[in-house]
Amino acid sequence: MKAVKYRRIVVLSRFLVCLGFVLAGIFLFYSAFYSDQRMTRRILAFIGFLGAFWVFGRMALLMIYIFFKDSTIFLYDADKIIVKDTEIDRKSIVKVETTFYAPTGFLGTKAYAFILYCKDKEPIYIHTYYVLTDKELAEVSHILHSNDSGVK
C-alpha cells in the first residue's frame, strides 16, 4: 500500500501566516478601543479585528489540529483505496470530483476536497485541509483518476 501524506512544514508555514493575521487582528482590537482616532476609523478597526479572528483564527486552530494528527490522507494500491478506515474497491468508483467547499467538521470551516462517488455507497470525502501544494494536488488527482481504477 502506498500512502498519500501531507508535509508538516507546509502546515507549520500556513499556521504562521494565519498567526500573523491573528496578531494583526489583536493590534486592530487595541486600535479600536484604546486609540484617539475618529469613531469611523475605530469602527473599521473593530470590523477588521472581527474578520481576522473569524477567518484566520479558525484556520489557525485547524492548522494546529492538522499538525498534531496523523499526516496520512489516504492509502491506495491497484485494487483499493482506504480513506479514514473505509476501504473502497477502485472498480466501484463511478466518478471523482473536486470541491472547494467541503465541510471539515471543525469549527464550521470548509476546505478543498476530492469526492469519490461509488456505486453502492454515499459520497466519500478526501479532505486536503489546504495543506497540499498545487503539485501535490495534481499528483493526488492523477492517482484518483488513474486508468487502472476504473474511473472514467
N, C-alpha and C. Protein backbone atom coordinates (compact mmCIF):
# COMPACT_ATOMS: atom_id res chain seq x y z
N MET A 1 0.84 -1.18 0.00
CA MET A 1 0.00 0.00 0.00
C MET A 1 0.89 1.25 0.00
N LYS A 2 0.51 2.17 -0.81
CA LYS A 2 1.18 3.46 -0.84
C LYS A 2 0.34 4.46 -0.07
N ALA A 3 0.98 5.41 0.55
CA ALA A 3 0.28 6.41 1.35
C ALA A 3 0.46 7.79 0.74
N VAL A 4 -0.61 8.56 0.76
CA VAL A 4 -0.56 9.97 0.39
C VAL A 4 -0.58 10.76 1.69
N LYS A 5 0.51 11.48 1.94
CA LYS A 5 0.66 12.23 3.18
C LYS A 5 0.93 13.69 2.87
N TYR A 6 0.63 14.55 3.82
CA TYR A 6 0.99 15.95 3.69
C TYR A 6 2.25 16.20 4.51
N ARG A 7 2.94 17.27 4.15
CA ARG A 7 4.17 17.63 4.85
C ARG A 7 3.85 18.58 5.99
N ARG A 8 4.40 18.31 7.14
CA ARG A 8 4.13 19.13 8.32
C ARG A 8 4.73 20.54 8.19
N ILE A 9 5.77 20.69 7.39
CA ILE A 9 6.36 22.01 7.20
C ILE A 9 5.38 22.94 6.48
N VAL A 10 4.56 22.39 5.59
CA VAL A 10 3.53 23.18 4.90
C VAL A 10 2.47 23.62 5.91
N VAL A 11 2.09 22.71 6.79
CA VAL A 11 1.11 23.05 7.82
C VAL A 11 1.66 24.14 8.73
N LEU A 12 2.90 23.99 9.12
CA LEU A 12 3.52 24.99 10.00
C LEU A 12 3.60 26.35 9.33
N SER A 13 3.95 26.38 8.05
CA SER A 13 4.03 27.67 7.35
C SER A 13 2.65 28.31 7.22
N ARG A 14 1.64 27.52 6.94
CA ARG A 14 0.29 28.08 6.85
C ARG A 14 -0.21 28.55 8.21
N PHE A 15 0.17 27.85 9.27
CA PHE A 15 -0.18 28.29 10.62
C PHE A 15 0.48 29.63 10.93
N LEU A 16 1.74 29.79 10.56
CA LEU A 16 2.44 31.05 10.84
C LEU A 16 1.82 32.21 10.08
N VAL A 17 1.36 31.98 8.87
CA VAL A 17 0.66 33.03 8.11
C VAL A 17 -0.62 33.41 8.83
N CYS A 18 -1.39 32.41 9.25
CA CYS A 18 -2.64 32.68 9.98
C CYS A 18 -2.35 33.40 11.29
N LEU A 19 -1.29 32.99 11.97
CA LEU A 19 -0.92 33.64 13.22
C LEU A 19 -0.57 35.11 13.01
N GLY A 20 0.07 35.42 11.89
CA GLY A 20 0.36 36.82 11.58
C GLY A 20 -0.92 37.65 11.44
N PHE A 21 -1.92 37.09 10.77
CA PHE A 21 -3.18 37.80 10.64
C PHE A 21 -3.92 37.91 11.98
N VAL A 22 -3.82 36.89 12.82
CA VAL A 22 -4.44 36.96 14.15
C VAL A 22 -3.76 38.04 14.99
N LEU A 23 -2.45 38.12 14.91
CA LEU A 23 -1.74 39.18 15.63
C LEU A 23 -2.12 40.56 15.10
N ALA A 24 -2.29 40.68 13.79
CA ALA A 24 -2.77 41.95 13.23
C ALA A 24 -4.16 42.26 13.75
N GLY A 25 -4.99 41.23 13.91
CA GLY A 25 -6.32 41.43 14.49
C GLY A 25 -6.27 41.92 15.92
N ILE A 26 -5.29 41.42 16.68
CA ILE A 26 -5.12 41.89 18.07
C ILE A 26 -4.73 43.36 18.08
N PHE A 27 -3.85 43.76 17.17
CA PHE A 27 -3.48 45.18 17.09
C PHE A 27 -4.68 46.03 16.67
N LEU A 28 -5.51 45.50 15.77
CA LEU A 28 -6.72 46.23 15.38
C LEU A 28 -7.68 46.36 16.56
N PHE A 29 -7.77 45.34 17.38
CA PHE A 29 -8.61 45.40 18.58
C PHE A 29 -8.11 46.50 19.52
N TYR A 30 -6.80 46.54 19.72
CA TYR A 30 -6.21 47.58 20.55
C TYR A 30 -6.50 48.95 19.94
N SER A 31 -6.36 49.06 18.64
CA SER A 31 -6.60 50.33 17.96
C SER A 31 -8.06 50.76 18.07
N ALA A 32 -8.96 49.78 18.05
CA ALA A 32 -10.39 50.11 18.10
C ALA A 32 -10.82 50.65 19.45
N PHE A 33 -10.21 50.17 20.52
CA PHE A 33 -10.68 50.56 21.85
C PHE A 33 -9.78 51.54 22.59
N TYR A 34 -8.51 51.60 22.24
CA TYR A 34 -7.60 52.40 23.03
C TYR A 34 -6.87 53.48 22.24
N SER A 35 -7.38 53.85 21.09
CA SER A 35 -6.72 54.90 20.32
C SER A 35 -7.55 56.18 20.37
N ASP A 36 -6.94 57.27 19.93
CA ASP A 36 -7.62 58.56 19.90
C ASP A 36 -8.09 58.91 18.50
N GLN A 37 -8.33 57.93 17.67
CA GLN A 37 -8.77 58.15 16.30
C GLN A 37 -10.25 58.49 16.25
N ARG A 38 -10.72 58.86 15.06
CA ARG A 38 -12.14 59.13 14.88
C ARG A 38 -12.94 57.85 15.05
N MET A 39 -14.23 58.03 15.28
CA MET A 39 -15.09 56.89 15.53
C MET A 39 -15.20 55.97 14.31
N THR A 40 -15.21 56.53 13.11
CA THR A 40 -15.33 55.69 11.92
C THR A 40 -14.10 54.80 11.77
N ARG A 41 -12.93 55.34 12.04
CA ARG A 41 -11.71 54.54 11.96
C ARG A 41 -11.69 53.47 13.04
N ARG A 42 -12.21 53.78 14.21
CA ARG A 42 -12.26 52.79 15.29
C ARG A 42 -13.26 51.67 14.96
N ILE A 43 -14.36 52.02 14.32
CA ILE A 43 -15.33 51.00 13.91
C ILE A 43 -14.73 50.11 12.83
N LEU A 44 -14.04 50.70 11.88
CA LEU A 44 -13.39 49.90 10.84
C LEU A 44 -12.31 48.99 11.42
N ALA A 45 -11.58 49.47 12.41
CA ALA A 45 -10.57 48.64 13.06
C ALA A 45 -11.24 47.46 13.77
N PHE A 46 -12.38 47.70 14.41
CA PHE A 46 -13.09 46.62 15.09
C PHE A 46 -13.63 45.61 14.08
N ILE A 47 -14.13 46.07 12.96
CA ILE A 47 -14.60 45.15 11.91
C ILE A 47 -13.43 44.33 11.36
N GLY A 48 -12.28 44.96 11.19
CA GLY A 48 -11.09 44.23 10.76
C GLY A 48 -10.65 43.19 11.78
N PHE A 49 -10.77 43.53 13.07
CA PHE A 49 -10.45 42.59 14.13
C PHE A 49 -11.38 41.37 14.06
N LEU A 50 -12.68 41.61 13.90
CA LEU A 50 -13.63 40.50 13.81
C LEU A 50 -13.35 39.63 12.59
N GLY A 51 -13.05 40.26 11.46
CA GLY A 51 -12.73 39.49 10.26
C GLY A 51 -11.47 38.65 10.42
N ALA A 52 -10.46 39.22 11.02
CA ALA A 52 -9.20 38.48 11.22
C ALA A 52 -9.42 37.26 12.10
N PHE A 53 -10.19 37.43 13.16
CA PHE A 53 -10.42 36.29 14.04
C PHE A 53 -11.40 35.30 13.45
N TRP A 54 -12.39 35.77 12.71
CA TRP A 54 -13.38 34.86 12.13
C TRP A 54 -12.76 33.96 11.06
N VAL A 55 -11.95 34.52 10.21
CA VAL A 55 -11.36 33.75 9.12
C VAL A 55 -10.06 33.08 9.55
N PHE A 56 -9.09 33.88 9.98
CA PHE A 56 -7.76 33.35 10.22
C PHE A 56 -7.61 32.70 11.59
N GLY A 57 -8.43 33.09 12.55
CA GLY A 57 -8.39 32.42 13.85
C GLY A 57 -8.85 30.98 13.75
N ARG A 58 -9.96 30.76 13.04
CA ARG A 58 -10.44 29.40 12.84
C ARG A 58 -9.46 28.58 12.03
N MET A 59 -8.87 29.21 11.01
CA MET A 59 -7.90 28.50 10.17
C MET A 59 -6.64 28.16 10.98
N ALA A 60 -6.22 29.03 11.87
CA ALA A 60 -5.06 28.74 12.72
C ALA A 60 -5.35 27.56 13.64
N LEU A 61 -6.54 27.51 14.21
CA LEU A 61 -6.91 26.37 15.05
C LEU A 61 -6.97 25.08 14.23
N LEU A 62 -7.48 25.17 13.01
CA LEU A 62 -7.50 24.00 12.13
C LEU A 62 -6.07 23.53 11.84
N MET A 63 -5.16 24.44 11.59
CA MET A 63 -3.78 24.07 11.29
C MET A 63 -3.10 23.43 12.51
N ILE A 64 -3.42 23.90 13.71
CA ILE A 64 -2.88 23.26 14.92
C ILE A 64 -3.39 21.82 15.02
N TYR A 65 -4.67 21.63 14.77
CA TYR A 65 -5.26 20.30 14.81
C TYR A 65 -4.62 19.39 13.76
N ILE A 66 -4.47 19.89 12.54
CA ILE A 66 -3.89 19.12 11.45
C ILE A 66 -2.43 18.79 11.73
N PHE A 67 -1.72 19.70 12.36
CA PHE A 67 -0.30 19.48 12.65
C PHE A 67 -0.10 18.27 13.56
N PHE A 68 -0.98 18.09 14.54
CA PHE A 68 -0.80 17.02 15.51
C PHE A 68 -1.50 15.72 15.16
N LYS A 69 -2.34 15.70 14.14
CA LYS A 69 -2.99 14.45 13.76
C LYS A 69 -2.11 13.69 12.77
N ASP A 70 -2.51 12.45 12.48
CA ASP A 70 -1.77 11.61 11.54
C ASP A 70 -1.75 12.28 10.18
N SER A 71 -0.59 12.30 9.54
CA SER A 71 -0.43 13.03 8.28
C SER A 71 -0.90 12.24 7.06
N THR A 72 -1.42 11.05 7.23
CA THR A 72 -1.87 10.25 6.10
C THR A 72 -3.25 10.72 5.66
N ILE A 73 -3.37 11.06 4.39
CA ILE A 73 -4.65 11.47 3.85
C ILE A 73 -5.44 10.24 3.40
N PHE A 74 -4.79 9.38 2.63
CA PHE A 74 -5.40 8.09 2.27
C PHE A 74 -4.32 7.12 1.83
N LEU A 75 -4.69 5.84 1.81
CA LEU A 75 -3.83 4.77 1.36
C LEU A 75 -4.41 4.20 0.07
N TYR A 76 -3.55 3.71 -0.82
CA TYR A 76 -4.07 3.16 -2.07
C TYR A 76 -3.13 2.10 -2.62
N ASP A 77 -3.68 1.25 -3.44
CA ASP A 77 -2.92 0.34 -4.28
C ASP A 77 -3.72 0.16 -5.57
N ALA A 78 -3.38 -0.84 -6.37
CA ALA A 78 -4.05 -1.01 -7.66
C ALA A 78 -5.51 -1.43 -7.52
N ASP A 79 -5.88 -2.03 -6.40
CA ASP A 79 -7.23 -2.57 -6.24
C ASP A 79 -8.15 -1.77 -5.33
N LYS A 80 -7.60 -1.05 -4.37
CA LYS A 80 -8.45 -0.38 -3.39
C LYS A 80 -7.84 0.91 -2.89
N ILE A 81 -8.71 1.71 -2.29
CA ILE A 81 -8.33 2.96 -1.64
C ILE A 81 -8.89 2.90 -0.22
N ILE A 82 -8.09 3.29 0.76
CA ILE A 82 -8.54 3.31 2.15
C ILE A 82 -8.54 4.76 2.62
N VAL A 83 -9.73 5.25 2.97
CA VAL A 83 -9.90 6.61 3.47
C VAL A 83 -10.55 6.54 4.84
N LYS A 84 -9.85 6.99 5.87
CA LYS A 84 -10.38 7.00 7.24
C LYS A 84 -10.99 5.65 7.61
N ASP A 85 -10.25 4.60 7.48
CA ASP A 85 -10.67 3.24 7.81
C ASP A 85 -11.82 2.73 6.97
N THR A 86 -12.13 3.39 5.87
CA THR A 86 -13.15 2.92 4.93
C THR A 86 -12.43 2.40 3.69
N GLU A 87 -12.65 1.14 3.41
CA GLU A 87 -12.00 0.52 2.25
C GLU A 87 -12.93 0.60 1.05
N ILE A 88 -12.40 1.10 -0.06
CA ILE A 88 -13.19 1.29 -1.28
C ILE A 88 -12.52 0.52 -2.40
N ASP A 89 -13.28 -0.32 -3.06
CA ASP A 89 -12.77 -1.02 -4.23
C ASP A 89 -12.68 -0.02 -5.37
N ARG A 90 -11.56 0.04 -6.06
CA ARG A 90 -11.37 1.05 -7.10
C ARG A 90 -12.33 0.85 -8.27
N LYS A 91 -12.78 -0.38 -8.50
CA LYS A 91 -13.70 -0.63 -9.59
C LYS A 91 -15.11 -0.14 -9.27
N SER A 92 -15.41 0.09 -8.00
CA SER A 92 -16.74 0.57 -7.63
C SER A 92 -16.85 2.09 -7.70
N ILE A 93 -15.74 2.79 -7.95
CA ILE A 93 -15.76 4.25 -8.05
C ILE A 93 -16.33 4.64 -9.40
N VAL A 94 -17.42 5.41 -9.36
CA VAL A 94 -18.09 5.84 -10.58
C VAL A 94 -17.51 7.15 -11.08
N LYS A 95 -17.29 8.09 -10.15
CA LYS A 95 -16.86 9.43 -10.53
C LYS A 95 -16.03 10.04 -9.41
N VAL A 96 -15.08 10.88 -9.80
CA VAL A 96 -14.27 11.63 -8.83
C VAL A 96 -14.45 13.11 -9.15
N GLU A 97 -14.82 13.88 -8.14
CA GLU A 97 -14.98 15.33 -8.30
C GLU A 97 -14.11 16.05 -7.29
N THR A 98 -13.92 17.34 -7.53
CA THR A 98 -13.25 18.19 -6.57
C THR A 98 -14.20 19.30 -6.16
N THR A 99 -14.08 19.73 -4.93
CA THR A 99 -14.89 20.84 -4.44
C THR A 99 -14.03 21.70 -3.53
N PHE A 100 -14.35 22.98 -3.51
CA PHE A 100 -13.62 23.91 -2.65
C PHE A 100 -14.35 24.16 -1.34
N TYR A 101 -15.54 23.60 -1.20
CA TYR A 101 -16.37 23.91 -0.03
C TYR A 101 -16.86 22.65 0.66
N ALA A 102 -15.98 21.71 0.94
CA ALA A 102 -16.36 20.50 1.67
C ALA A 102 -16.25 20.78 3.16
N PRO A 103 -17.30 20.52 3.92
CA PRO A 103 -17.23 20.78 5.36
C PRO A 103 -16.23 19.86 6.05
N THR A 104 -15.38 20.43 6.87
CA THR A 104 -14.36 19.65 7.56
C THR A 104 -14.85 19.11 8.89
N GLY A 105 -15.92 19.68 9.41
CA GLY A 105 -16.40 19.26 10.72
C GLY A 105 -15.61 19.89 11.85
N PHE A 106 -14.83 20.91 11.57
CA PHE A 106 -14.00 21.56 12.58
C PHE A 106 -14.31 23.05 12.57
N LEU A 107 -15.05 23.53 13.53
CA LEU A 107 -15.40 24.95 13.70
C LEU A 107 -16.10 25.54 12.48
N GLY A 108 -16.77 24.73 11.72
CA GLY A 108 -17.50 25.22 10.56
C GLY A 108 -16.65 25.60 9.38
N THR A 109 -15.39 25.19 9.37
CA THR A 109 -14.53 25.52 8.25
C THR A 109 -14.82 24.58 7.08
N LYS A 110 -14.57 25.09 5.89
CA LYS A 110 -14.72 24.30 4.68
C LYS A 110 -13.40 24.32 3.95
N ALA A 111 -13.07 23.21 3.30
CA ALA A 111 -11.77 23.10 2.67
C ALA A 111 -11.89 22.37 1.34
N TYR A 112 -10.82 22.43 0.58
CA TYR A 112 -10.72 21.73 -0.69
C TYR A 112 -10.75 20.23 -0.42
N ALA A 113 -11.49 19.48 -1.24
CA ALA A 113 -11.59 18.03 -1.05
C ALA A 113 -11.88 17.35 -2.37
N PHE A 114 -11.54 16.08 -2.41
CA PHE A 114 -11.93 15.20 -3.52
C PHE A 114 -13.13 14.40 -3.05
N ILE A 115 -14.09 14.23 -3.93
CA ILE A 115 -15.29 13.46 -3.60
C ILE A 115 -15.30 12.21 -4.47
N LEU A 116 -15.36 11.06 -3.83
CA LEU A 116 -15.45 9.79 -4.54
C LEU A 116 -16.89 9.32 -4.53
N TYR A 117 -17.48 9.15 -5.70
CA TYR A 117 -18.83 8.62 -5.81
C TYR A 117 -18.72 7.14 -6.15
N CYS A 118 -19.27 6.29 -5.30
CA CYS A 118 -19.22 4.85 -5.51
C CYS A 118 -20.60 4.34 -5.93
N LYS A 119 -20.61 3.14 -6.49
CA LYS A 119 -21.86 2.56 -6.99
C LYS A 119 -22.88 2.34 -5.88
N ASP A 120 -22.45 1.80 -4.77
CA ASP A 120 -23.40 1.38 -3.74
C ASP A 120 -23.24 2.11 -2.41
N LYS A 121 -22.46 3.18 -2.36
CA LYS A 121 -22.21 3.90 -1.12
C LYS A 121 -22.51 5.38 -1.30
N GLU A 122 -22.57 6.06 -0.18
CA GLU A 122 -22.70 7.51 -0.24
C GLU A 122 -21.36 8.12 -0.59
N PRO A 123 -21.33 9.38 -1.02
CA PRO A 123 -20.06 10.00 -1.41
C PRO A 123 -19.05 10.01 -0.26
N ILE A 124 -17.80 9.81 -0.60
CA ILE A 124 -16.72 9.79 0.39
C ILE A 124 -15.82 10.99 0.10
N TYR A 125 -15.59 11.79 1.14
CA TYR A 125 -14.76 12.99 1.02
C TYR A 125 -13.33 12.68 1.42
N ILE A 126 -12.39 13.14 0.60
CA ILE A 126 -10.97 13.08 0.94
C ILE A 126 -10.53 14.53 1.13
N HIS A 127 -10.49 14.98 2.37
CA HIS A 127 -10.16 16.37 2.68
C HIS A 127 -8.67 16.61 2.55
N THR A 128 -8.33 17.76 2.01
CA THR A 128 -6.92 18.15 1.90
C THR A 128 -6.56 19.24 2.90
N TYR A 129 -7.53 19.89 3.50
CA TYR A 129 -7.32 20.88 4.57
C TYR A 129 -6.37 22.02 4.19
N TYR A 130 -6.24 22.33 2.94
CA TYR A 130 -5.37 23.40 2.45
C TYR A 130 -3.89 23.14 2.74
N VAL A 131 -3.50 21.89 2.92
CA VAL A 131 -2.10 21.62 3.27
C VAL A 131 -1.33 20.95 2.13
N LEU A 132 -1.96 20.77 0.99
CA LEU A 132 -1.25 20.23 -0.17
C LEU A 132 -0.93 21.36 -1.13
N THR A 133 0.27 21.31 -1.69
CA THR A 133 0.65 22.30 -2.69
C THR A 133 -0.05 21.96 -4.01
N ASP A 134 0.04 22.86 -4.98
CA ASP A 134 -0.60 22.62 -6.28
C ASP A 134 -0.04 21.38 -6.96
N LYS A 135 1.25 21.18 -6.85
CA LYS A 135 1.88 20.00 -7.45
C LYS A 135 1.36 18.73 -6.79
N GLU A 136 1.26 18.74 -5.47
CA GLU A 136 0.75 17.56 -4.75
C GLU A 136 -0.72 17.32 -5.06
N LEU A 137 -1.51 18.39 -5.22
CA LEU A 137 -2.91 18.23 -5.60
C LEU A 137 -3.04 17.59 -6.97
N ALA A 138 -2.17 17.98 -7.90
CA ALA A 138 -2.20 17.38 -9.23
C ALA A 138 -1.83 15.90 -9.17
N GLU A 139 -0.86 15.55 -8.33
CA GLU A 139 -0.48 14.15 -8.19
C GLU A 139 -1.61 13.32 -7.58
N VAL A 140 -2.27 13.85 -6.55
CA VAL A 140 -3.38 13.14 -5.93
C VAL A 140 -4.53 12.99 -6.93
N SER A 141 -4.80 14.03 -7.68
CA SER A 141 -5.85 13.96 -8.69
C SER A 141 -5.51 12.90 -9.74
N HIS A 142 -4.26 12.83 -10.13
CA HIS A 142 -3.85 11.81 -11.10
C HIS A 142 -4.01 10.40 -10.51
N ILE A 143 -3.67 10.23 -9.25
CA ILE A 143 -3.83 8.93 -8.60
C ILE A 143 -5.30 8.52 -8.57
N LEU A 144 -6.16 9.45 -8.21
CA LEU A 144 -7.59 9.13 -8.11
C LEU A 144 -8.24 8.93 -9.46
N HIS A 145 -7.73 9.59 -10.49
CA HIS A 145 -8.30 9.46 -11.83
C HIS A 145 -7.57 8.43 -12.69
N SER A 146 -6.64 7.70 -12.12
CA SER A 146 -5.82 6.78 -12.92
C SER A 146 -6.68 5.73 -13.63
N ASN A 147 -6.21 5.28 -14.78
CA ASN A 147 -6.97 4.36 -15.62
C ASN A 147 -7.20 3.01 -14.99
N ASP A 148 -6.26 2.54 -14.15
CA ASP A 148 -6.43 1.23 -13.57
C ASP A 148 -7.44 1.21 -12.44
N SER A 149 -8.02 2.35 -12.09
CA SER A 149 -9.01 2.38 -11.02
C SER A 149 -10.42 2.18 -11.51
N GLY A 150 -10.63 2.16 -12.81
CA GLY A 150 -11.97 2.01 -13.33
C GLY A 150 -12.70 3.32 -13.47
N VAL A 151 -12.07 4.43 -13.13
CA VAL A 151 -12.69 5.74 -13.22
C VAL A 151 -12.62 6.24 -14.66
N LYS A 152 -13.70 6.80 -15.12
CA LYS A 152 -13.74 7.31 -16.50
C LYS A 152 -13.63 8.82 -16.48
